[in-house]
C-alpha atoms as a PDB file:
ATOM      1  CA  UNK A   1      90.116  91.937  92.590  1.00  0.00           C
ATOM      2  CA  UNK A   2      86.963  89.715  93.735  1.00  0.00           C
ATOM      3  CA  UNK A   3      89.374  87.937  96.157  1.00  0.00           C
ATOM      4  CA  UNK A   4      90.932  90.900  97.471  1.00  0.00           C
ATOM      5  CA  UNK A   5      87.910  92.863  98.119  1.00  0.00           C
ATOM      6  CA  UNK A   6      86.322  89.696  99.310  1.00  0.00           C
ATOM      7  CA  UNK A   7      89.208  89.381 102.051  1.00  0.00           C
ATOM      8  CA  UNK A   8      89.164  93.560 102.637  1.00  0.00           C
ATOM      9  CA  UNK A   9      85.488  93.040 103.379  1.00  0.00           C
ATOM     10  CA  UNK A  10      85.858  90.487 105.964  1.00  0.00           C
ATOM     11  CA  UNK A  11      88.712  92.591 107.591  1.00  0.00           C
ATOM     12  CA  UNK A  12      86.405  95.339 107.876  1.00  0.00           C
ATOM     13  CA  UNK A  13      83.637  93.316 109.473  1.00  0.00           C
ATOM     14  CA  UNK A  14      86.165  91.887 112.245  1.00  0.00           C
ATOM     15  CA  UNK A  15      86.930  88.475 110.195  1.00  0.00           C
ATOM     16  CA  UNK A  16      90.250  86.558 108.677  1.00  0.00           C
ATOM     17  CA  UNK A  17      90.757  85.398 105.384  1.00  0.00           C
ATOM     18  CA  UNK A  18      93.369  83.207 104.257  1.00  0.00           C
ATOM     19  CA  UNK A  19      93.561  82.335 100.454  1.00  0.00           C
ATOM     20  CA  UNK A  20      94.949  79.134  99.511  1.00  0.00           C
ATOM     21  CA  UNK A  21      95.947  78.270  95.887  1.00  0.00           C
ATOM     22  CA  UNK A  22      97.027  74.763  97.121  1.00  0.00           C
ATOM     23  CA  UNK A  23      93.213  73.463  97.180  1.00  0.00           C
ATOM     24  CA  UNK A  24      93.864  74.050  92.896  1.00  0.00           C
ATOM     25  CA  UNK A  25      96.085  71.177  93.050  1.00  0.00           C
ATOM     26  CA  UNK A  26      92.664  68.890  95.074  1.00  0.00           C
ATOM     27  CA  UNK A  27      90.486  70.484  92.093  1.00  0.00           C
ATOM     28  CA  UNK A  28      88.589  67.065  91.504  1.00  0.00           C
ATOM     29  CA  UNK A  29      88.225  66.383  95.701  1.00  0.00           C
ATOM     30  CA  UNK A  30      86.458  69.749  95.998  1.00  0.00           C
ATOM     31  CA  UNK A  31      84.450  69.820  92.680  1.00  0.00           C
ATOM     32  CA  UNK A  32      82.965  65.812  94.322  1.00  0.00           C
ATOM     33  CA  UNK A  33      82.747  67.457  97.511  1.00  0.00           C
ATOM     34  CA  UNK A  34      80.717  70.325  96.370  1.00  0.00           C
ATOM     35  CA  UNK A  35      79.167  69.270  93.454  1.00  0.00           C
ATOM     36  CA  UNK A  36      80.772  71.835  91.210  1.00  0.00           C
ATOM     37  CA  UNK A  37      80.781  71.391  87.215  1.00  0.00           C
ATOM     38  CA  UNK A  38      83.896  69.923  85.397  1.00  0.00           C
ATOM     39  CA  UNK A  39      83.785  72.846  83.571  1.00  0.00           C
ATOM     40  CA  UNK A  40      84.723  75.165  85.531  1.00  0.00           C
ATOM     41  CA  UNK A  41      88.327  75.806  87.058  1.00  0.00           C
ATOM     42  CA  UNK A  42      89.471  75.831  90.355  1.00  0.00           C
ATOM     43  CA  UNK A  43      92.034  78.661  90.906  1.00  0.00           C
ATOM     44  CA  UNK A  44      92.215  78.892  94.701  1.00  0.00           C
ATOM     45  CA  UNK A  45      90.090  78.789  98.049  1.00  0.00           C
ATOM     46  CA  UNK A  46      89.650  81.645 100.732  1.00  0.00           C
ATOM     47  CA  UNK A  47      89.447  79.976 104.255  1.00  0.00           C
ATOM     48  CA  UNK A  48      87.665  82.773 106.803  1.00  0.00           C
ATOM     49  CA  UNK A  49      86.388  83.203 110.140  1.00  0.00           C
ATOM     50  CA  UNK A  50      87.658  84.691 113.524  1.00  0.00           C
ATOM     51  CA  UNK A  51      91.048  84.778 114.440  1.00  0.00           C
ATOM     52  CA  UNK A  52      92.652  83.393 117.928  1.00  0.00           C
ATOM     53  CA  UNK A  53      94.427  86.096 119.074  1.00  0.00           C
ATOM     54  CA  UNK A  54      95.196  84.163 122.124  1.00  0.00           C
ATOM     55  CA  UNK A  55      97.809  81.677 119.778  1.00  0.00           C
ATOM     56  CA  UNK A  56     101.423  82.056 119.610  1.00  0.00           C
ATOM     57  CA  UNK A  57     101.473  82.716 115.865  1.00  0.00           C
ATOM     58  CA  UNK A  58     100.078  86.176 116.880  1.00  0.00           C
ATOM     59  CA  UNK A  59     103.650  86.653 118.298  1.00  0.00           C
ATOM     60  CA  UNK A  60     105.944  85.894 115.644  1.00  0.00           C
ATOM     61  CA  UNK A  61     107.816  89.206 113.892  1.00  0.00           C
ATOM     62  CA  UNK A  62     109.378  88.341 110.573  1.00  0.00           C
ATOM     63  CA  UNK A  63     110.832  92.065 110.305  1.00  0.00           C
ATOM     64  CA  UNK A  64     110.909  93.574 106.710  1.00  0.00           C
ATOM     65  CA  UNK A  65     114.162  94.997 105.119  1.00  0.00           C
ATOM     66  CA  UNK A  66     114.525  98.500 104.840  1.00  0.00           C
ATOM     67  CA  UNK A  67     112.003  99.620 101.552  1.00  0.00           C
ATOM     68  CA  UNK A  68     115.665 100.807  99.526  1.00  0.00           C
ATOM     69  CA  UNK A  69     116.674  96.976  99.223  1.00  0.00           C
ATOM     70  CA  UNK A  70     113.712  95.908  97.613  1.00  0.00           C
ATOM     71  CA  UNK A  71     112.143  98.596  95.523  1.00  0.00           C
ATOM     72  CA  UNK A  72     113.980 100.655  92.689  1.00  0.00           C
ATOM     73  CA  UNK A  73     111.689 103.874  91.652  1.00  0.00           C
ATOM     74  CA  UNK A  74     113.684 104.887  88.575  1.00  0.00           C
ATOM     75  CA  UNK A  75     113.002 108.963  87.633  1.00  0.00           C
ATOM     76  CA  UNK A  76     111.908 109.856  91.160  1.00  0.00           C
ATOM     77  CA  UNK A  77     114.788 110.851  93.109  1.00  0.00           C
ATOM     78  CA  UNK A  78     114.752 111.706  96.641  1.00  0.00           C
ATOM     79  CA  UNK A  79     111.414 109.705  97.137  1.00  0.00           C
ATOM     80  CA  UNK A  80     112.865 107.111  99.329  1.00  0.00           C
ATOM     81  CA  UNK A  81     115.083 109.146 101.300  1.00  0.00           C
ATOM     82  CA  UNK A  82     111.916 110.138 103.085  1.00  0.00           C
ATOM     83  CA  UNK A  83     111.561 106.776 104.693  1.00  0.00           C
END
């Protein structure tokens, strides 16, 4: 929840953030670079800063499948009919 709140607080302030689980693979390198004790675990890191609105990455539209194809609600008739 800390990471979620941190990412939301970045967005609220006009910044962007990306959680990166791959840093856990390089935990020893990160520990050595940042002076982190060996008894602490590294689950992931968060890169953050300002997004480049001119980047072509902002033009990518992955699309979404309809909610009815990915969600099953039990004992809630008609809930997804409104979508």
